């Protein structure tokens, strides 16, 4: 029984457990397999970086109030955040790395920067 390369289907010569005829075919095959996953991760990371940049531009020092409209106009996407922090009062703060936001009223948000001691 002759084995064929998983990428180019050429005859494989060598060890019985070999799956590819060359390193080029092995790399090509694995790049195709991983490209779908890598593309999804790339899209999510792009959204997280964009959200963080928007928050960073709006937060001058420690915290500031803003509206949902202003965030959306800049391209903020509320579906992407890195973690949720529950305050002592029980409020949920949604963070994009070191910048976060919390709903304080109808379409009103407080934006915060996590202090270095909290990280």
PDB file of N, CA and C in Angstrom:
ATOM      1  N   UNK A   1       0.851  -1.185   0.000  1.00  0.00           N
ATOM      2  CA  UNK A   1       0.000   0.000   0.000  1.00  0.00           C
ATOM      3  C   UNK A   1       0.891   1.241   0.000  1.00  0.00           C
ATOM      4  N   UNK A   2       0.709   2.091  -0.970  1.00  0.00           N
ATOM      5  CA  UNK A   2       1.480   3.329  -1.020  1.00  0.00           C
ATOM      6  C   UNK A   2       0.643   4.455  -0.437  1.00  0.00           C
ATOM      7  N   UNK A   3       1.302   5.239   0.419  1.00  0.00           N
ATOM      8  CA  UNK A   3       0.630   6.383   1.030  1.00  0.00           C
ATOM      9  C   UNK A   3       0.818   7.595   0.147  1.00  0.00           C
ATOM     10  N   UNK A   4      -0.182   8.486   0.190  1.00  0.00           N
ATOM     11  CA  UNK A   4      -0.119   9.717  -0.588  1.00  0.00           C
ATOM     12  C   UNK A   4      -0.054  10.917   0.356  1.00  0.00           C
ATOM     13  N   UNK A   5       0.645  11.928  -0.099  1.00  0.00           N
ATOM     14  CA  UNK A   5       0.783  13.180   0.653  1.00  0.00           C
ATOM     15  C   UNK A   5      -0.600  13.804   0.852  1.00  0.00           C
ATOM     16  N   UNK A   6      -0.883  14.267   2.055  1.00  0.00           N
ATOM     17  CA  UNK A   6      -2.185  14.877   2.346  1.00  0.00           C
ATOM     18  C   UNK A   6      -2.397  16.178   1.586  1.00  0.00           C
ATOM     19  N   UNK A   7      -1.326  16.826   1.161  1.00  0.00           N
ATOM     20  CA  UNK A   7      -1.438  18.101   0.459  1.00  0.00           C
ATOM     21  C   UNK A   7      -1.477  17.928  -1.059  1.00  0.00           C
ATOM     22  N   UNK A   8      -0.458  17.306  -1.631  1.00  0.00           N
ATOM     23  CA  UNK A   8      -0.346  17.237  -3.100  1.00  0.00           C
ATOM     24  C   UNK A   8      -0.682  15.859  -3.674  1.00  0.00           C
ATOM     25  N   UNK A   9      -0.896  14.899  -2.820  1.00  0.00           N
ATOM     26  CA  UNK A   9      -1.260  13.526  -3.179  1.00  0.00           C
ATOM     27  C   UNK A   9      -0.168  12.792  -3.964  1.00  0.00           C
ATOM     28  N   UNK A  10       1.072  13.266  -3.844  1.00  0.00           N
ATOM     29  CA  UNK A  10       2.208  12.547  -4.430  1.00  0.00           C
ATOM     30  C   UNK A  10       2.518  11.339  -3.558  1.00  0.00           C
ATOM     31  N   UNK A  11       3.171  10.359  -4.132  1.00  0.00           N
ATOM     32  CA  UNK A  11       3.583   9.165  -3.408  1.00  0.00           C
ATOM     33  C   UNK A  11       4.618   9.549  -2.344  1.00  0.00           C
ATOM     34  N   UNK A  12       4.427   9.015  -1.138  1.00  0.00           N
ATOM     35  CA  UNK A  12       5.343   9.300  -0.026  1.00  0.00           C
ATOM     36  C   UNK A  12       6.375   8.190   0.057  1.00  0.00           C
ATOM     37  N   UNK A  13       7.631   8.627   0.138  1.00  0.00           N
ATOM     38  CA  UNK A  13       8.739   7.681   0.298  1.00  0.00           C
ATOM     39  C   UNK A  13       9.375   7.953   1.648  1.00  0.00           C
ATOM     40  N   UNK A  14       9.595   6.891   2.423  1.00  0.00           N
ATOM     41  CA  UNK A  14      10.238   7.073   3.724  1.00  0.00           C
ATOM     42  C   UNK A  14       9.495   6.338   4.813  1.00  0.00           C
ATOM     43  N   UNK A  15       9.490   6.937   5.981  1.00  0.00           N
ATOM     44  CA  UNK A  15       8.888   6.304   7.150  1.00  0.00           C
ATOM     45  C   UNK A  15       7.418   5.969   6.922  1.00  0.00           C
ATOM     46  N   UNK A  16       6.952   4.950   7.604  1.00  0.00           N
ATOM     47  CA  UNK A  16       5.568   4.496   7.422  1.00  0.00           C
ATOM     48  C   UNK A  16       4.541   5.460   8.012  1.00  0.00           C
ATOM     49  N   UNK A  17       4.949   6.274   9.007  1.00  0.00           N
ATOM     50  CA  UNK A  17       4.013   7.202   9.634  1.00  0.00           C
ATOM     51  C   UNK A  17       4.070   8.605   9.013  1.00  0.00           C
ATOM     52  N   UNK A  18       4.811   8.765   7.948  1.00  0.00           N
ATOM     53  CA  UNK A  18       4.953  10.046   7.273  1.00  0.00           C
ATOM     54  C   UNK A  18       3.630  10.417   6.588  1.00  0.00           C
ATOM     55  N   UNK A  19       3.237  11.706   6.670  1.00  0.00           N
ATOM     56  CA  UNK A  19       1.974  12.153   6.090  1.00  0.00           C
ATOM     57  C   UNK A  19       2.166  13.088   4.899  1.00  0.00           C
ATOM     58  N   UNK A  20       3.353  13.662   4.792  1.00  0.00           N
ATOM     59  CA  UNK A  20       3.620  14.647   3.746  1.00  0.00           C
ATOM     60  C   UNK A  20       4.902  14.294   3.017  1.00  0.00           C
ATOM     61  N   UNK A  21       4.979  14.689   1.767  1.00  0.00           N
ATOM     62  CA  UNK A  21       6.171  14.377   0.968  1.00  0.00           C
ATOM     63  C   UNK A  21       7.301  15.362   1.228  1.00  0.00           C
ATOM     64  N   UNK A  22       6.971  16.551   1.756  1.00  0.00           N
ATOM     65  CA  UNK A  22       8.002  17.560   2.008  1.00  0.00           C
ATOM     66  C   UNK A  22       7.540  18.538   3.080  1.00  0.00           C
ATOM     67  N   UNK A  23       8.494  19.338   3.563  1.00  0.00           N
ATOM     68  CA  UNK A  23       8.156  20.383   4.536  1.00  0.00           C
ATOM     69  C   UNK A  23       7.245  21.436   3.911  1.00  0.00           C
ATOM     70  N   UNK A  24       7.418  21.696   2.648  1.00  0.00           N
ATOM     71  CA  UNK A  24       6.570  22.684   1.956  1.00  0.00           C
ATOM     72  C   UNK A  24       5.111  22.230   1.976  1.00  0.00           C
ATOM     73  N   UNK A  25       4.867  20.952   1.659  1.00  0.00           N
ATOM     74  CA  UNK A  25       3.497  20.427   1.683  1.00  0.00           C
ATOM     75  C   UNK A  25       2.938  20.424   3.107  1.00  0.00           C
ATOM     76  N   UNK A  26       3.757  20.061   4.080  1.00  0.00           N
ATOM     77  CA  UNK A  26       3.311  20.045   5.472  1.00  0.00           C
ATOM     78  C   UNK A  26       2.909  21.449   5.913  1.00  0.00           C
ATOM     79  N   UNK A  27       3.737  22.440   5.609  1.00  0.00           N
ATOM     80  CA  UNK A  27       3.430  23.824   5.975  1.00  0.00           C
ATOM     81  C   UNK A  27       2.193  24.338   5.255  1.00  0.00           C
ATOM     82  N   UNK A  28       2.099  24.060   3.988  1.00  0.00           N
ATOM     83  CA  UNK A  28       0.952  24.499   3.202  1.00  0.00           C
ATOM     84  C   UNK A  28      -0.350  23.912   3.746  1.00  0.00           C
ATOM     85  N   UNK A  29      -0.343  22.623   4.039  1.00  0.00           N
ATOM     86  CA  UNK A  29      -1.512  21.930   4.583  1.00  0.00           C
ATOM     87  C   UNK A  29      -1.934  22.545   5.928  1.00  0.00           C
ATOM     88  N   UNK A  30      -0.961  22.714   6.823  1.00  0.00           N
ATOM     89  CA  UNK A  30      -1.270  23.267   8.145  1.00  0.00           C
ATOM     90  C   UNK A  30      -1.709  24.721   8.072  1.00  0.00           C
ATOM     91  N   UNK A  31      -1.148  25.502   7.166  1.00  0.00           N
ATOM     92  CA  UNK A  31      -1.582  26.894   6.995  1.00  0.00           C
ATOM     93  C   UNK A  31      -3.030  26.962   6.531  1.00  0.00           C
ATOM     94  N   UNK A  32      -3.426  26.069   5.638  1.00  0.00           N
ATOM     95  CA  UNK A  32      -4.821  26.035   5.183  1.00  0.00           C
ATOM     96  C   UNK A  32      -5.757  25.680   6.336  1.00  0.00           C
ATOM     97  N   UNK A  33      -5.368  24.691   7.118  1.00  0.00           N
ATOM     98  CA  UNK A  33      -6.193  24.241   8.248  1.00  0.00           C
ATOM     99  C   UNK A  33      -6.345  25.370   9.275  1.00  0.00           C
ATOM    100  N   UNK A  34      -5.254  26.072   9.565  1.00  0.00           N
ATOM    101  CA  UNK A  34      -5.263  27.097  10.606  1.00  0.00           C
ATOM    102  C   UNK A  34      -5.768  28.452  10.133  1.00  0.00           C
ATOM    103  N   UNK A  35      -5.874  28.685   8.845  1.00  0.00           N
ATOM    104  CA  UNK A  35      -6.242  30.009   8.355  1.00  0.00           C
ATOM    105  C   UNK A  35      -7.643  30.419   8.791  1.00  0.00           C
ATOM    106  N   UNK A  36      -8.570  29.504   8.837  1.00  0.00           N
ATOM    107  CA  UNK A  36      -9.938  29.825   9.253  1.00  0.00           C
ATOM    108  C   UNK A  36      -9.939  30.281  10.701  1.00  0.00           C
ATOM    109  N   UNK A  37      -9.292  29.522  11.570  1.00  0.00           N
ATOM    110  CA  UNK A  37      -9.216  29.885  12.988  1.00  0.00           C
ATOM    111  C   UNK A  37      -8.454  31.190  13.158  1.00  0.00           C
ATOM    112  N   UNK A  38      -7.321  31.307  12.492  1.00  0.00           N
ATOM    113  CA  UNK A  38      -6.503  32.511  12.617  1.00  0.00           C
ATOM    114  C   UNK A  38      -7.243  33.747  12.134  1.00  0.00           C
ATOM    115  N   UNK A  39      -8.041  33.623  11.092  1.00  0.00           N
ATOM    116  CA  UNK A  39      -8.800  34.758  10.585  1.00  0.00           C
ATOM    117  C   UNK A  39      -9.819  35.218  11.618  1.00  0.00           C
ATOM    118  N   UNK A  40     -10.509  34.301  12.255  1.00  0.00           N
ATOM    119  CA  UNK A  40     -11.489  34.663  13.288  1.00  0.00           C
ATOM    120  C   UNK A  40     -10.801  35.388  14.445  1.00  0.00           C
ATOM    121  N   UNK A  41      -9.678  34.861  14.893  1.00  0.00           N
ATOM    122  CA  UNK A  41      -8.928  35.482  15.989  1.00  0.00           C
ATOM    123  C   UNK A  41      -8.465  36.875  15.573  1.00  0.00           C
ATOM    124  N   UNK A  42      -8.018  37.021  14.348  1.00  0.00           N
ATOM    125  CA  UNK A  42      -7.563  38.312  13.841  1.00  0.00           C
ATOM    126  C   UNK A  42      -8.701  39.336  13.869  1.00  0.00           C
ATOM    127  N   UNK A  43      -9.895  38.933  13.451  1.00  0.00           N
ATOM    128  CA  UNK A  43     -11.053  39.830  13.440  1.00  0.00           C
ATOM    129  C   UNK A  43     -11.407  40.256  14.863  1.00  0.00           C
ATOM    130  N   UNK A  44     -11.446  39.312  15.795  1.00  0.00           N
ATOM    131  CA  UNK A  44     -11.777  39.626  17.186  1.00  0.00           C
ATOM    132  C   UNK A  44     -10.733  40.563  17.785  1.00  0.00           C
ATOM    133  N   UNK A  45      -9.458  40.274  17.562  1.00  0.00           N
ATOM    134  CA  UNK A  45      -8.398  41.143  18.088  1.00  0.00           C
ATOM    135  C   UNK A  45      -8.485  42.552  17.512  1.00  0.00           C
ATOM    136  N   UNK A  46      -8.837  42.661  16.242  1.00  0.00           N
ATOM    137  CA  UNK A  46      -9.003  43.977  15.619  1.00  0.00           C
ATOM    138  C   UNK A  46     -10.127  44.752  16.298  1.00  0.00           C
ATOM    139  N   UNK A  47     -11.238  44.082  16.569  1.00  0.00           N
ATOM    140  CA  UNK A  47     -12.361  44.747  17.245  1.00  0.00           C
ATOM    141  C   UNK A  47     -11.982  45.174  18.665  1.00  0.00           C
ATOM    142  N   UNK A  48     -11.278  44.317  19.391  1.00  0.00           N
ATOM    143  CA  UNK A  48     -10.858  44.652  20.749  1.00  0.00           C
ATOM    144  C   UNK A  48      -9.905  45.846  20.756  1.00  0.00           C
ATOM    145  N   UNK A  49      -8.959  45.870  19.820  1.00  0.00           N
ATOM    146  CA  UNK A  49      -8.018  46.998  19.739  1.00  0.00           C
ATOM    147  C   UNK A  49      -8.743  48.285  19.379  1.00  0.00           C
ATOM    148  N   UNK A  50      -9.713  48.202  18.462  1.00  0.00           N
ATOM    149  CA  UNK A  50     -10.482  49.393  18.074  1.00  0.00           C
ATOM    150  C   UNK A  50     -11.271  49.916  19.268  1.00  0.00           C
ATOM    151  N   UNK A  51     -11.945  49.028  19.986  1.00  0.00           N
ATOM    152  CA  UNK A  51     -12.707  49.450  21.164  1.00  0.00           C
ATOM    153  C   UNK A  51     -11.803  50.099  22.197  1.00  0.00           C
ATOM    154  N   UNK A  52     -10.633  49.501  22.454  1.00  0.00           N
ATOM    155  CA  UNK A  52      -9.706  50.055  23.435  1.00  0.00           C
ATOM    156  C   UNK A  52      -9.232  51.437  23.006  1.00  0.00           C
ATOM    157  N   UNK A  53      -8.919  51.594  21.733  1.00  0.00           N
ATOM    158  CA  UNK A  53      -8.442  52.881  21.231  1.00  0.00           C
ATOM    159  C   UNK A  53      -9.506  53.955  21.394  1.00  0.00           C
ATOM    160  N   UNK A  54     -10.744  53.634  21.116  1.00  0.00           N
ATOM    161  CA  UNK A  54     -11.847  54.587  21.277  1.00  0.00           C
ATOM    162  C   UNK A  54     -11.964  55.002  22.738  1.00  0.00           C
ATOM    163  N   UNK A  55     -11.938  54.030  23.650  1.00  0.00           N
ATOM    164  CA  UNK A  55     -12.030  54.347  25.078  1.00  0.00           C
ATOM    165  C   UNK A  55     -10.832  55.181  25.519  1.00  0.00           C
ATOM    166  N   UNK A  56      -9.650  54.831  25.054  1.00  0.00           N
ATOM    167  CA  UNK A  56      -8.438  55.563  25.420  1.00  0.00           C
ATOM    168  C   UNK A  56      -8.525  57.023  24.973  1.00  0.00           C
ATOM    169  N   UNK A  57      -9.047  57.267  23.779  1.00  0.00           N
ATOM    170  CA  UNK A  57      -9.185  58.634  23.270  1.00  0.00           C
ATOM    171  C   UNK A  57     -10.181  59.447  24.071  1.00  0.00           C
ATOM    172  N   UNK A  58     -11.206  58.796  24.613  1.00  0.00           N
ATOM    173  CA  UNK A  58     -12.262  59.513  25.333  1.00  0.00           C
ATOM    174  C   UNK A  58     -11.975  59.707  26.820  1.00  0.00           C
ATOM    175  N   UNK A  59     -11.127  58.872  27.413  1.00  0.00           N
ATOM    176  CA  UNK A  59     -10.857  58.960  28.851  1.00  0.00           C
ATOM    177  C   UNK A  59      -9.599  59.802  29.058  1.00  0.00           C
ATOM    178  N   UNK A  60      -9.764  61.030  29.576  1.00  0.00           N
ATOM    179  CA  UNK A  60      -8.598  61.904  29.747  1.00  0.00           C
ATOM    180  C   UNK A  60      -7.663  61.479  30.886  1.00  0.00           C
ATOM    181  N   UNK A  61      -8.214  61.129  32.011  1.00  0.00           N
ATOM    182  CA  UNK A  61      -7.373  60.788  33.167  1.00  0.00           C
ATOM    183  C   UNK A  61      -7.892  59.523  33.835  1.00  0.00           C
ATOM    184  N   UNK A  62      -8.902  59.656  34.657  1.00  0.00           N
ATOM    185  CA  UNK A  62      -9.409  58.505  35.402  1.00  0.00           C
ATOM    186  C   UNK A  62     -10.777  58.046  34.902  1.00  0.00           C
ATOM    187  N   UNK A  63     -11.710  58.998  34.756  1.00  0.00           N
ATOM    188  CA  UNK A  63     -13.048  58.615  34.290  1.00  0.00           C
ATOM    189  C   UNK A  63     -13.744  59.816  33.657  1.00  0.00           C
ATOM    190  N   UNK A  64     -14.750  59.520  32.855  1.00  0.00           N
ATOM    191  CA  UNK A  64     -15.536  60.555  32.186  1.00  0.00           C
ATOM    192  C   UNK A  64     -16.883  59.955  31.788  1.00  0.00           C
ATOM    193  N   UNK A  65     -17.886  60.805  31.669  1.00  0.00           N
ATOM    194  CA  UNK A  65     -19.199  60.356  31.217  1.00  0.00           C
ATOM    195  C   UNK A  65     -19.329  60.610  29.724  1.00  0.00           C
ATOM    196  N   UNK A  66     -20.059  59.733  29.057  1.00  0.00           N
ATOM    197  CA  UNK A  66     -20.339  59.897  27.631  1.00  0.00           C
ATOM    198  C   UNK A  66     -21.648  59.202  27.295  1.00  0.00           C
ATOM    199  N   UNK A  67     -22.052  59.329  26.055  1.00  0.00           N
ATOM    200  CA  UNK A  67     -23.295  58.702  25.616  1.00  0.00           C
ATOM    201  C   UNK A  67     -23.006  57.516  24.704  1.00  0.00           C
ATOM    202  N   UNK A  68     -23.981  56.648  24.593  1.00  0.00           N
ATOM    203  CA  UNK A  68     -23.870  55.498  23.694  1.00  0.00           C
ATOM    204  C   UNK A  68     -23.710  55.986  22.260  1.00  0.00           C
ATOM    205  N   UNK A  69     -24.401  57.069  21.928  1.00  0.00           N
ATOM    206  CA  UNK A  69     -24.339  57.646  20.583  1.00  0.00           C
ATOM    207  C   UNK A  69     -22.904  58.027  20.200  1.00  0.00           C
ATOM    208  N   UNK A  70     -22.185  58.683  21.116  1.00  0.00           N
ATOM    209  CA  UNK A  70     -20.802  59.085  20.829  1.00  0.00           C
ATOM    210  C   UNK A  70     -19.907  57.872  20.610  1.00  0.00           C
ATOM    211  N   UNK A  71     -20.098  56.836  21.397  1.00  0.00           N
ATOM    212  CA  UNK A  71     -19.299  55.620  21.246  1.00  0.00           C
ATOM    213  C   UNK A  71     -19.598  54.948  19.905  1.00  0.00           C
ATOM    214  N   UNK A  72     -20.866  54.847  19.555  1.00  0.00           N
ATOM    215  CA  UNK A  72     -21.247  54.208  18.297  1.00  0.00           C
ATOM    216  C   UNK A  72     -20.768  55.002  17.088  1.00  0.00           C
ATOM    217  N   UNK A  73     -20.802  56.336  17.172  1.00  0.00           N
ATOM    218  CA  UNK A  73     -20.326  57.176  16.074  1.00  0.00           C
ATOM    219  C   UNK A  73     -18.847  56.933  15.780  1.00  0.00           C
ATOM    220  N   UNK A  74     -18.084  56.613  16.812  1.00  0.00           N
ATOM    221  CA  UNK A  74     -16.654  56.354  16.642  1.00  0.00           C
ATOM    222  C   UNK A  74     -16.379  54.917  16.195  1.00  0.00           C
ATOM    223  N   UNK A  75     -17.412  54.080  16.160  1.00  0.00           N
ATOM    224  CA  UNK A  75     -17.245  52.705  15.707  1.00  0.00           C
ATOM    225  C   UNK A  75     -17.121  51.693  16.831  1.00  0.00           C
ATOM    226  N   UNK A  76     -17.485  52.070  18.041  1.00  0.00           N
ATOM    227  CA  UNK A  76     -17.398  51.164  19.185  1.00  0.00           C
ATOM    228  C   UNK A  76     -18.388  50.021  19.007  1.00  0.00           C
ATOM    229  N   UNK A  77     -17.958  48.804  19.348  1.00  0.00           N
ATOM    230  CA  UNK A  77     -18.813  47.627  19.249  1.00  0.00           C
ATOM    231  C   UNK A  77     -18.958  47.019  20.650  1.00  0.00           C
ATOM    232  N   UNK A  78     -20.153  47.098  21.208  1.00  0.00           N
ATOM    233  CA  UNK A  78     -20.401  46.659  22.578  1.00  0.00           C
ATOM    234  C   UNK A  78     -20.344  45.136  22.744  1.00  0.00           C
ATOM    235  N   UNK A  79     -20.248  44.386  21.671  1.00  0.00           N
ATOM    236  CA  UNK A  79     -20.184  42.924  21.768  1.00  0.00           C
ATOM    237  C   UNK A  79     -18.782  42.411  22.060  1.00  0.00           C
ATOM    238  N   UNK A  80     -17.772  43.276  21.965  1.00  0.00           N
ATOM    239  CA  UNK A  80     -16.387  42.840  22.135  1.00  0.00           C
ATOM    240  C   UNK A  80     -15.755  43.516  23.343  1.00  0.00           C
ATOM    241  N   UNK A  81     -15.369  42.714  24.326  1.00  0.00           N
ATOM    242  CA  UNK A  81     -14.664  43.192  25.510  1.00  0.00           C
ATOM    243  C   UNK A  81     -13.842  42.039  26.057  1.00  0.00           C
ATOM    244  N   UNK A  82     -12.834  42.371  26.868  1.00  0.00           N
ATOM    245  CA  UNK A  82     -11.931  41.317  27.341  1.00  0.00           C
ATOM    246  C   UNK A  82     -12.364  40.700  28.660  1.00  0.00           C
ATOM    247  N   UNK A  83     -12.985  41.486  29.525  1.00  0.00           N
ATOM    248  CA  UNK A  83     -13.441  40.920  30.791  1.00  0.00           C
ATOM    249  C   UNK A  83     -14.499  41.811  31.436  1.00  0.00           C
ATOM    250  N   UNK A  84     -15.168  41.259  32.434  1.00  0.00           N
ATOM    251  CA  UNK A  84     -16.180  41.987  33.202  1.00  0.00           C
ATOM    252  C   UNK A  84     -15.703  42.052  34.640  1.00  0.00           C
ATOM    253  N   UNK A  85     -15.749  43.264  35.202  1.00  0.00           N
ATOM    254  CA  UNK A  85     -15.365  43.446  36.606  1.00  0.00           C
ATOM    255  C   UNK A  85     -16.612  43.854  37.384  1.00  0.00           C
ATOM    256  N   UNK A  86     -16.883  43.151  38.471  1.00  0.00           N
ATOM    257  CA  UNK A  86     -18.018  43.490  39.325  1.00  0.00           C
ATOM    258  C   UNK A  86     -17.499  44.349  40.476  1.00  0.00           C
ATOM    259  N   UNK A  87     -18.031  45.565  40.602  1.00  0.00           N
ATOM    260  CA  UNK A  87     -17.581  46.480  41.647  1.00  0.00           C
ATOM    261  C   UNK A  87     -18.144  46.045  43.000  1.00  0.00           C
ATOM    262  N   UNK A  88     -17.672  46.692  44.042  1.00  0.00           N
ATOM    263  CA  UNK A  88     -18.166  46.383  45.396  1.00  0.00           C
ATOM    264  C   UNK A  88     -19.658  46.647  45.520  1.00  0.00           C
ATOM    265  N   UNK A  89     -20.146  47.623  44.733  1.00  0.00           N
ATOM    266  CA  UNK A  89     -21.579  47.939  44.734  1.00  0.00           C
ATOM    267  C   UNK A  89     -22.393  46.929  43.933  1.00  0.00           C
ATOM    268  N   UNK A  90     -21.702  46.063  43.195  1.00  0.00           N
ATOM    269  CA  UNK A  90     -22.383  45.070  42.374  1.00  0.00           C
ATOM    270  C   UNK A  90     -22.581  45.501  40.934  1.00  0.00           C
ATOM    271  N   UNK A  91     -21.977  46.620  40.537  1.00  0.00           N
ATOM    272  CA  UNK A  91     -22.087  47.109  39.160  1.00  0.00           C
ATOM    273  C   UNK A  91     -21.105  46.368  38.258  1.00  0.00           C
ATOM    274  N   UNK A  92     -21.525  46.071  37.045  1.00  0.00           N
ATOM    275  CA  UNK A  92     -20.656  45.426  36.071  1.00  0.00           C
ATOM    276  C   UNK A  92     -19.946  46.463  35.212  1.00  0.00           C
ATOM    277  N   UNK A  93     -18.627  46.377  35.174  1.00  0.00           N
ATOM    278  CA  UNK A  93     -17.802  47.206  34.305  1.00  0.00           C
ATOM    279  C   UNK A  93     -17.240  46.291  33.226  1.00  0.00           C
ATOM    280  N   UNK A  94     -17.416  46.670  31.981  1.00  0.00           N
ATOM    281  CA  UNK A  94     -16.927  45.898  30.849  1.00  0.00           C
ATOM    282  C   UNK A  94     -15.611  46.519  30.385  1.00  0.00           C
ATOM    283  N   UNK A  95     -14.567  45.698  30.323  1.00  0.00           N
ATOM    284  CA  UNK A  95     -13.243  46.208  30.004  1.00  0.00           C
ATOM    285  C   UNK A  95     -12.750  45.710  28.656  1.00  0.00           C
ATOM    286  N   UNK A  96     -12.053  46.592  27.970  1.00  0.00           N
ATOM    287  CA  UNK A  96     -11.228  46.262  26.804  1.00  0.00           C
ATOM    288  C   UNK A  96      -9.806  46.506  27.279  1.00  0.00           C
ATOM    289  N   UNK A  97      -9.208  45.455  27.786  1.00  0.00           N
ATOM    290  CA  UNK A  97      -7.883  45.508  28.387  1.00  0.00           C
ATOM    291  C   UNK A  97      -7.922  46.424  29.610  1.00  0.00           C
ATOM    292  N   UNK A  98      -7.322  47.613  29.563  1.00  0.00           N
ATOM    293  CA  UNK A  98      -7.247  48.470  30.750  1.00  0.00           C
ATOM    294  C   UNK A  98      -8.265  49.610  30.757  1.00  0.00           C
ATOM    295  N   UNK A  99      -9.125  49.695  29.753  1.00  0.00           N
ATOM    296  CA  UNK A  99     -10.171  50.721  29.700  1.00  0.00           C
ATOM    297  C   UNK A  99     -11.529  50.044  29.769  1.00  0.00           C
ATOM    298  N   UNK A 100     -12.439  50.669  30.527  1.00  0.00           N
ATOM    299  CA  UNK A 100     -13.741  50.045  30.708  1.00  0.00           C
ATOM    300  C   UNK A 100     -14.887  51.024  30.638  1.00  0.00           C
ATOM    301  N   UNK A 101     -16.090  50.476  30.670  1.00  0.00           N
ATOM    302  CA  UNK A 101     -17.300  51.295  30.629  1.00  0.00           C
ATOM    303  C   UNK A 101     -18.385  50.642  31.475  1.00  0.00           C
ATOM    304  N   UNK A 102     -19.280  51.475  31.959  1.00  0.00           N
ATOM    305  CA  UNK A 102     -20.382  51.018  32.808  1.00  0.00           C
ATOM    306  C   UNK A 102     -21.610  51.857  32.486  1.00  0.00           C
ATOM    307  N   UNK A 103     -22.743  51.190  32.272  1.00  0.00           N
ATOM    308  CA  UNK A 103     -24.000  51.870  31.994  1.00  0.00           C
ATOM    309  C   UNK A 103     -24.502  52.521  33.277  1.00  0.00           C
ATOM    310  N   UNK A 104     -24.696  53.867  33.241  1.00  0.00           N
ATOM    311  CA  UNK A 104     -25.154  54.573  34.452  1.00  0.00           C
ATOM    312  C   UNK A 104     -26.557  55.133  34.298  1.00  0.00           C
ATOM    313  N   UNK A 105     -27.081  55.109  33.121  1.00  0.00           N
ATOM    314  CA  UNK A 105     -28.429  55.598  32.866  1.00  0.00           C
ATOM    315  C   UNK A 105     -28.812  55.209  31.460  1.00  0.00           C
ATOM    316  N   UNK A 106     -29.986  55.638  31.050  1.00  0.00           N
ATOM    317  CA  UNK A 106     -30.402  55.289  29.689  1.00  0.00           C
ATOM    318  C   UNK A 106     -29.441  55.902  28.685  1.00  0.00           C
ATOM    319  N   UNK A 107     -28.683  55.045  28.010  1.00  0.00           N
ATOM    320  CA  UNK A 107     -27.705  55.454  26.996  1.00  0.00           C
ATOM    321  C   UNK A 107     -26.594  56.353  27.538  1.00  0.00           C
ATOM    322  N   UNK A 108     -26.360  56.349  28.840  1.00  0.00           N
ATOM    323  CA  UNK A 108     -25.275  57.109  29.461  1.00  0.00           C
ATOM    324  C   UNK A 108     -24.266  56.136  30.045  1.00  0.00           C
ATOM    325  N   UNK A 109     -22.998  56.381  29.780  1.00  0.00           N
ATOM    326  CA  UNK A 109     -21.931  55.506  30.260  1.00  0.00           C
ATOM    327  C   UNK A 109     -20.876  56.311  30.985  1.00  0.00           C
ATOM    328  N   UNK A 110     -20.274  55.666  31.953  1.00  0.00           N
ATOM    329  CA  UNK A 110     -19.072  56.213  32.561  1.00  0.00           C
ATOM    330  C   UNK A 110     -17.908  55.376  32.030  1.00  0.00           C
ATOM    331  N   UNK A 111     -16.884  56.064  31.552  1.00  0.00           N
ATOM    332  CA  UNK A 111     -15.698  55.400  31.021  1.00  0.00           C
ATOM    333  C   UNK A 111     -14.590  55.518  32.048  1.00  0.00           C
ATOM    334  N   UNK A 112     -13.850  54.452  32.241  1.00  0.00           N
ATOM    335  CA  UNK A 112     -12.799  54.435  33.271  1.00  0.00           C
ATOM    336  C   UNK A 112     -11.503  53.817  32.715  1.00  0.00           C
ATOM    337  N   UNK A 113     -10.426  54.196  33.356  1.00  0.00           N
ATOM    338  CA  UNK A 113      -9.138  53.567  33.071  1.00  0.00           C
ATOM    339  C   UNK A 113      -8.731  52.828  34.336  1.00  0.00           C
ATOM    340  N   UNK A 114      -8.406  51.557  34.191  1.00  0.00           N
ATOM    341  CA  UNK A 114      -7.992  50.751  35.328  1.00  0.00           C
ATOM    342  C   UNK A 114      -6.651  51.281  35.823  1.00  0.00           C
ATOM    343  N   UNK A 115      -6.557  51.504  37.117  1.00  0.00           N
ATOM    344  CA  UNK A 115      -5.306  52.010  37.675  1.00  0.00           C
ATOM    345  C   UNK A 115      -4.260  50.901  37.708  1.00  0.00           C
ATOM    346  N   UNK A 116      -2.993  51.288  37.733  1.00  0.00           N
ATOM    347  CA  UNK A 116      -1.907  50.298  37.720  1.00  0.00           C
ATOM    348  C   UNK A 116      -1.941  49.379  38.932  1.00  0.00           C
ATOM    349  N   UNK A 117      -2.415  49.869  40.069  1.00  0.00           N
ATOM    350  CA  UNK A 117      -2.477  49.019  41.256  1.00  0.00           C
ATOM    351  C   UNK A 117      -3.559  47.945  41.132  1.00  0.00           C
ATOM    352  N   UNK A 118      -4.569  48.175  40.274  1.00  0.00           N
ATOM    353  CA  UNK A 118      -5.642  47.207  40.064  1.00  0.00           C
ATOM    354  C   UNK A 118      -5.273  46.118  39.070  1.00  0.00           C
ATOM    355  N   UNK A 119      -4.194  46.303  38.336  1.00  0.00           N
ATOM    356  CA  UNK A 119      -3.844  45.351  37.275  1.00  0.00           C
ATOM    357  C   UNK A 119      -3.038  44.198  37.787  1.00  0.00           C
TER     358      UNK A 119
END
